[in-house]
Amino acid sequence: MDACPPEWKGMVYAGLYTGQRLGDLSALTWRSIDLENRTIAIVTKKTGRPLTLPINDDETDDP
């Protein structure tokens, strides 16, 4: 992660924790994130399938 530019670190961590592609993650909006239920709702660009991903404790902690 040291080689990663600071502005990309959050996106890289999100990709590592969720297993999603950069394009799917970059399309996220706050409307897609449900902090109360701790989920992220996305539609994958590759398959068009809707997914609901859990938000892990590690994803909400600062690395």
PDB file of N, CA and C in Angstrom:
ATOM      1  N   MET A   1       0.806  -1.202   0.000  1.00  0.00           N
ATOM      2  CA  MET A   1       0.000   0.000   0.000  1.00  0.00           C
ATOM      3  C   MET A   1       0.849   1.266   0.000  1.00  0.00           C
ATOM      4  N   ASP A   2       2.099   1.138   0.364  1.00  0.00           N
ATOM      5  CA  ASP A   2       2.956   2.318   0.381  1.00  0.00           C
ATOM      6  C   ASP A   2       3.126   2.922  -1.010  1.00  0.00           C
ATOM      7  N   ALA A   3       3.069   2.093  -2.038  1.00  0.00           N
ATOM      8  CA  ALA A   3       3.232   2.584  -3.411  1.00  0.00           C
ATOM      9  C   ALA A   3       1.946   3.206  -3.963  1.00  0.00           C
ATOM     10  N   CYS A   4       0.850   3.022  -3.264  1.00  0.00           N
ATOM     11  CA  CYS A   4      -0.451   3.519  -3.717  1.00  0.00           C
ATOM     12  C   CYS A   4      -0.580   5.016  -3.405  1.00  0.00           C
ATOM     13  N   PRO A   5      -0.988   5.831  -4.397  1.00  0.00           N
ATOM     14  CA  PRO A   5      -1.212   7.248  -4.109  1.00  0.00           C
ATOM     15  C   PRO A   5      -2.300   7.398  -3.034  1.00  0.00           C
ATOM     16  N   PRO A   6      -2.158   8.363  -2.144  1.00  0.00           N
ATOM     17  CA  PRO A   6      -3.105   8.524  -1.035  1.00  0.00           C
ATOM     18  C   PRO A   6      -4.571   8.612  -1.475  1.00  0.00           C
ATOM     19  N   GLU A   7      -4.829   9.279  -2.611  1.00  0.00           N
ATOM     20  CA  GLU A   7      -6.220   9.435  -3.042  1.00  0.00           C
ATOM     21  C   GLU A   7      -6.837   8.119  -3.532  1.00  0.00           C
ATOM     22  N   TRP A   8      -6.034   7.090  -3.766  1.00  0.00           N
ATOM     23  CA  TRP A   8      -6.536   5.794  -4.234  1.00  0.00           C
ATOM     24  C   TRP A   8      -6.651   4.755  -3.123  1.00  0.00           C
ATOM     25  N   LYS A   9      -6.083   5.019  -1.953  1.00  0.00           N
ATOM     26  CA  LYS A   9      -6.033   4.009  -0.898  1.00  0.00           C
ATOM     27  C   LYS A   9      -7.417   3.518  -0.484  1.00  0.00           C
ATOM     28  N   GLY A  10      -8.362   4.413  -0.327  1.00  0.00           N
ATOM     29  CA  GLY A  10      -9.714   4.008   0.062  1.00  0.00           C
ATOM     30  C   GLY A  10     -10.346   3.075  -0.953  1.00  0.00           C
ATOM     31  N   MET A  11     -10.156   3.389  -2.219  1.00  0.00           N
ATOM     32  CA  MET A  11     -10.711   2.561  -3.297  1.00  0.00           C
ATOM     33  C   MET A  11     -10.038   1.190  -3.327  1.00  0.00           C
ATOM     34  N   VAL A  12      -8.732   1.163  -3.134  1.00  0.00           N
ATOM     35  CA  VAL A  12      -7.996  -0.104  -3.130  1.00  0.00           C
ATOM     36  C   VAL A  12      -8.446  -0.970  -1.959  1.00  0.00           C
ATOM     37  N   TYR A  13      -8.574  -0.372  -0.774  1.00  0.00           N
ATOM     38  CA  TYR A  13      -9.049  -1.131   0.383  1.00  0.00           C
ATOM     39  C   TYR A  13     -10.468  -1.656   0.149  1.00  0.00           C
ATOM     40  N   ALA A  14     -11.336  -0.828  -0.418  1.00  0.00           N
ATOM     41  CA  ALA A  14     -12.708  -1.274  -0.703  1.00  0.00           C
ATOM     42  C   ALA A  14     -12.701  -2.456  -1.660  1.00  0.00           C
ATOM     43  N   GLY A  15     -11.842  -2.418  -2.667  1.00  0.00           N
ATOM     44  CA  GLY A  15     -11.726  -3.534  -3.598  1.00  0.00           C
ATOM     45  C   GLY A  15     -11.225  -4.796  -2.926  1.00  0.00           C
ATOM     46  N   LEU A  16     -10.256  -4.642  -2.044  1.00  0.00           N
ATOM     47  CA  LEU A  16      -9.725  -5.804  -1.326  1.00  0.00           C
ATOM     48  C   LEU A  16     -10.774  -6.432  -0.411  1.00  0.00           C
ATOM     49  N   TYR A  17     -11.525  -5.610   0.289  1.00  0.00           N
ATOM     50  CA  TYR A  17     -12.517  -6.125   1.234  1.00  0.00           C
ATOM     51  C   TYR A  17     -13.763  -6.674   0.558  1.00  0.00           C
ATOM     52  N   THR A  18     -14.152  -6.104  -0.581  1.00  0.00           N
ATOM     53  CA  THR A  18     -15.398  -6.535  -1.221  1.00  0.00           C
ATOM     54  C   THR A  18     -15.192  -7.491  -2.380  1.00  0.00           C
ATOM     55  N   GLY A  19     -14.002  -7.473  -2.973  1.00  0.00           N
ATOM     56  CA  GLY A  19     -13.746  -8.309  -4.139  1.00  0.00           C
ATOM     57  C   GLY A  19     -14.367  -7.759  -5.413  1.00  0.00           C
ATOM     58  N   GLN A  20     -14.788  -6.511  -5.386  1.00  0.00           N
ATOM     59  CA  GLN A  20     -15.442  -5.912  -6.549  1.00  0.00           C
ATOM     60  C   GLN A  20     -14.440  -5.188  -7.426  1.00  0.00           C
ATOM     61  N   ARG A  21     -14.825  -5.019  -8.684  1.00  0.00           N
ATOM     62  CA  ARG A  21     -13.981  -4.331  -9.659  1.00  0.00           C
ATOM     63  C   ARG A  21     -13.991  -2.826  -9.413  1.00  0.00           C
ATOM     64  N   LEU A  22     -12.919  -2.193  -9.862  1.00  0.00           N
ATOM     65  CA  LEU A  22     -12.774  -0.748  -9.694  1.00  0.00           C
ATOM     66  C   LEU A  22     -13.939   0.006 -10.321  1.00  0.00           C
ATOM     67  N   GLY A  23     -14.383  -0.423 -11.499  1.00  0.00           N
ATOM     68  CA  GLY A  23     -15.507   0.240 -12.166  1.00  0.00           C
ATOM     69  C   GLY A  23     -16.788   0.188 -11.350  1.00  0.00           C
ATOM     70  N   ASP A  24     -17.038  -0.951 -10.704  1.00  0.00           N
ATOM     71  CA  ASP A  24     -18.231  -1.075  -9.856  1.00  0.00           C
ATOM     72  C   ASP A  24     -18.111  -0.169  -8.633  1.00  0.00           C
ATOM     73  N   LEU A  25     -16.947  -0.145  -8.039  1.00  0.00           N
ATOM     74  CA  LEU A  25     -16.746   0.681  -6.847  1.00  0.00           C
ATOM     75  C   LEU A  25     -16.789   2.162  -7.172  1.00  0.00           C
ATOM     76  N   SER A  26     -16.245   2.544  -8.320  1.00  0.00           N
ATOM     77  CA  SER A  26     -16.232   3.967  -8.664  1.00  0.00           C
ATOM     78  C   SER A  26     -17.631   4.489  -8.989  1.00  0.00           C
ATOM     79  N   ALA A  27     -18.569   3.594  -9.283  1.00  0.00           N
ATOM     80  CA  ALA A  27     -19.941   4.000  -9.574  1.00  0.00           C
ATOM     81  C   ALA A  27     -20.798   4.131  -8.316  1.00  0.00           C
ATOM     82  N   LEU A  28     -20.242   3.788  -7.159  1.00  0.00           N
ATOM     83  CA  LEU A  28     -21.011   3.872  -5.917  1.00  0.00           C
ATOM     84  C   LEU A  28     -21.377   5.316  -5.585  1.00  0.00           C
ATOM     85  N   THR A  29     -22.558   5.468  -5.009  1.00  0.00           N
ATOM     86  CA  THR A  29     -22.974   6.760  -4.465  1.00  0.00           C
ATOM     87  C   THR A  29     -23.362   6.527  -3.007  1.00  0.00           C
ATOM     88  N   TRP A  30     -23.546   7.587  -2.268  1.00  0.00           N
ATOM     89  CA  TRP A  30     -23.952   7.434  -0.871  1.00  0.00           C
ATOM     90  C   TRP A  30     -25.302   6.741  -0.772  1.00  0.00           C
ATOM     91  N   ARG A  31     -26.120   6.866  -1.782  1.00  0.00           N
ATOM     92  CA  ARG A  31     -27.421   6.198  -1.800  1.00  0.00           C
ATOM     93  C   ARG A  31     -27.252   4.675  -1.783  1.00  0.00           C
ATOM     94  N   SER A  32     -26.116   4.180  -2.273  1.00  0.00           N
ATOM     95  CA  SER A  32     -25.836   2.740  -2.327  1.00  0.00           C
ATOM     96  C   SER A  32     -25.382   2.175  -0.988  1.00  0.00           C
ATOM     97  N   ILE A  33     -25.046   3.060  -0.066  1.00  0.00           N
ATOM     98  CA  ILE A  33     -24.472   2.623   1.213  1.00  0.00           C
ATOM     99  C   ILE A  33     -25.500   2.809   2.321  1.00  0.00           C
ATOM    100  N   ASP A  34     -25.780   1.715   3.032  1.00  0.00           N
ATOM    101  CA  ASP A  34     -26.737   1.726   4.141  1.00  0.00           C
ATOM    102  C   ASP A  34     -25.955   1.463   5.426  1.00  0.00           C
ATOM    103  N   LEU A  35     -25.592   2.540   6.119  1.00  0.00           N
ATOM    104  CA  LEU A  35     -24.799   2.389   7.331  1.00  0.00           C
ATOM    105  C   LEU A  35     -25.599   1.765   8.474  1.00  0.00           C
ATOM    106  N   GLU A  36     -26.889   2.017   8.506  1.00  0.00           N
ATOM    107  CA  GLU A  36     -27.728   1.453   9.571  1.00  0.00           C
ATOM    108  C   GLU A  36     -27.745  -0.073   9.503  1.00  0.00           C
ATOM    109  N   ASN A  37     -27.919  -0.615   8.297  1.00  0.00           N
ATOM    110  CA  ASN A  37     -27.941  -2.071   8.115  1.00  0.00           C
ATOM    111  C   ASN A  37     -26.573  -2.632   7.723  1.00  0.00           C
ATOM    112  N   ARG A  38     -25.595  -1.743   7.583  1.00  0.00           N
ATOM    113  CA  ARG A  38     -24.213  -2.115   7.285  1.00  0.00           C
ATOM    114  C   ARG A  38     -24.105  -2.922   5.991  1.00  0.00           C
ATOM    115  N   THR A  39     -24.683  -2.358   4.902  1.00  0.00           N
ATOM    116  CA  THR A  39     -24.636  -3.017   3.602  1.00  0.00           C
ATOM    117  C   THR A  39     -24.297  -2.012   2.505  1.00  0.00           C
ATOM    118  N   ILE A  40     -23.803  -2.553   1.394  1.00  0.00           N
ATOM    119  CA  ILE A  40     -23.535  -1.784   0.185  1.00  0.00           C
ATOM    120  C   ILE A  40     -24.296  -2.472  -0.937  1.00  0.00           C
ATOM    121  N   ALA A  41     -25.137  -1.729  -1.644  1.00  0.00           N
ATOM    122  CA  ALA A  41     -25.915  -2.285  -2.752  1.00  0.00           C
ATOM    123  C   ALA A  41     -25.300  -1.811  -4.062  1.00  0.00           C
ATOM    124  N   ILE A  42     -24.950  -2.768  -4.928  1.00  0.00           N
ATOM    125  CA  ILE A  42     -24.375  -2.419  -6.224  1.00  0.00           C
ATOM    126  C   ILE A  42     -24.996  -3.297  -7.306  1.00  0.00           C
ATOM    127  N   VAL A  43     -24.860  -2.849  -8.535  1.00  0.00           N
ATOM    128  CA  VAL A  43     -25.193  -3.664  -9.702  1.00  0.00           C
ATOM    129  C   VAL A  43     -23.894  -3.800 -10.472  1.00  0.00           C
ATOM    130  N   THR A  44     -23.437  -5.036 -10.653  1.00  0.00           N
ATOM    131  CA  THR A  44     -22.154  -5.242 -11.322  1.00  0.00           C
ATOM    132  C   THR A  44     -22.265  -4.918 -12.803  1.00  0.00           C
ATOM    133  N   LYS A  45     -21.260  -4.261 -13.317  1.00  0.00           N
ATOM    134  CA  LYS A  45     -21.251  -3.909 -14.736  1.00  0.00           C
ATOM    135  C   LYS A  45     -21.032  -5.137 -15.610  1.00  0.00           C
ATOM    136  N   LYS A  46     -20.250  -6.097 -15.118  1.00  0.00           N
ATOM    137  CA  LYS A  46     -19.926  -7.276 -15.924  1.00  0.00           C
ATOM    138  C   LYS A  46     -21.150  -8.145 -16.181  1.00  0.00           C
ATOM    139  N   THR A  47     -21.936  -8.426 -15.128  1.00  0.00           N
ATOM    140  CA  THR A  47     -23.077  -9.337 -15.267  1.00  0.00           C
ATOM    141  C   THR A  47     -24.427  -8.639 -15.170  1.00  0.00           C
ATOM    142  N   GLY A  48     -24.446  -7.405 -14.646  1.00  0.00           N
ATOM    143  CA  GLY A  48     -25.702  -6.700 -14.461  1.00  0.00           C
ATOM    144  C   GLY A  48     -26.499  -7.190 -13.251  1.00  0.00           C
ATOM    145  N   ARG A  49     -25.892  -8.066 -12.466  1.00  0.00           N
ATOM    146  CA  ARG A  49     -26.569  -8.613 -11.284  1.00  0.00           C
ATOM    147  C   ARG A  49     -26.515  -7.639 -10.120  1.00  0.00           C
ATOM    148  N   PRO A  50     -27.633  -7.467  -9.417  1.00  0.00           N
ATOM    149  CA  PRO A  50     -27.586  -6.666  -8.194  1.00  0.00           C
ATOM    150  C   PRO A  50     -26.965  -7.488  -7.060  1.00  0.00           C
ATOM    151  N   LEU A  51     -26.146  -6.837  -6.255  1.00  0.00           N
ATOM    152  CA  LEU A  51     -25.512  -7.485  -5.113  1.00  0.00           C
ATOM    153  C   LEU A  51     -25.705  -6.629  -3.880  1.00  0.00           C
ATOM    154  N   THR A  52     -25.867  -7.276  -2.757  1.00  0.00           N
ATOM    155  CA  THR A  52     -25.857  -6.591  -1.475  1.00  0.00           C
ATOM    156  C   THR A  52     -24.691  -7.158  -0.684  1.00  0.00           C
ATOM    157  N   LEU A  53     -23.732  -6.302  -0.398  1.00  0.00           N
ATOM    158  CA  LEU A  53     -22.512  -6.726   0.282  1.00  0.00           C
ATOM    159  C   LEU A  53     -22.526  -6.236   1.723  1.00  0.00           C
ATOM    160  N   PRO A  54     -22.074  -7.059   2.660  1.00  0.00           N
ATOM    161  CA  PRO A  54     -21.987  -6.594   4.048  1.00  0.00           C
ATOM    162  C   PRO A  54     -20.814  -5.632   4.222  1.00  0.00           C
ATOM    163  N   ILE A  55     -20.960  -4.700   5.122  1.00  0.00           N
ATOM    164  CA  ILE A  55     -19.851  -3.825   5.499  1.00  0.00           C
ATOM    165  C   ILE A  55     -19.201  -4.453   6.719  1.00  0.00           C
ATOM    166  N   ASN A  56     -17.947  -4.850   6.571  1.00  0.00           N
ATOM    167  CA  ASN A  56     -17.198  -5.437   7.674  1.00  0.00           C
ATOM    168  C   ASN A  56     -16.687  -4.352   8.592  1.00  0.00           C
ATOM    169  N   ASP A  57     -16.394  -4.718   9.836  1.00  0.00           N
ATOM    170  CA  ASP A  57     -15.837  -3.751  10.775  1.00  0.00           C
ATOM    171  C   ASP A  57     -14.551  -3.152  10.248  1.00  0.00           C
ATOM    172  N   ASP A  58     -13.713  -3.958   9.574  1.00  0.00           N
ATOM    173  CA  ASP A  58     -12.449  -3.475   9.051  1.00  0.00           C
ATOM    174  C   ASP A  58     -12.646  -2.391   8.000  1.00  0.00           C
ATOM    175  N   GLU A  59     -13.760  -2.411   7.287  1.00  0.00           N
ATOM    176  CA  GLU A  59     -14.012  -1.422   6.225  1.00  0.00           C
ATOM    177  C   GLU A  59     -14.332  -0.051   6.794  1.00  0.00           C
ATOM    178  N   THR A  60     -14.785   0.000   8.028  1.00  0.00           N
ATOM    179  CA  THR A  60     -15.142   1.287   8.614  1.00  0.00           C
ATOM    180  C   THR A  60     -14.028   1.841   9.484  1.00  0.00           C
ATOM    181  N   ASP A  61     -12.962   1.068   9.690  1.00  0.00           N
ATOM    182  CA  ASP A  61     -11.813   1.531  10.454  1.00  0.00           C
ATOM    183  C   ASP A  61     -10.802   2.183   9.536  1.00  0.00           C
ATOM    184  N   ASP A  62     -10.086   3.170  10.028  1.00  0.00           N
ATOM    185  CA  ASP A  62      -9.015   3.761   9.242  1.00  0.00           C
ATOM    186  C   ASP A  62      -7.854   2.789   9.193  1.00  0.00           C
ATOM    187  N   PRO A  63      -7.301   2.566   7.998  1.00  0.00           N
ATOM    188  CA  PRO A  63      -6.159   1.651   7.888  1.00  0.00           C
ATOM    189  C   PRO A  63      -4.909   2.228   8.509  1.00  0.00           C
TER     190      PRO A  63
END
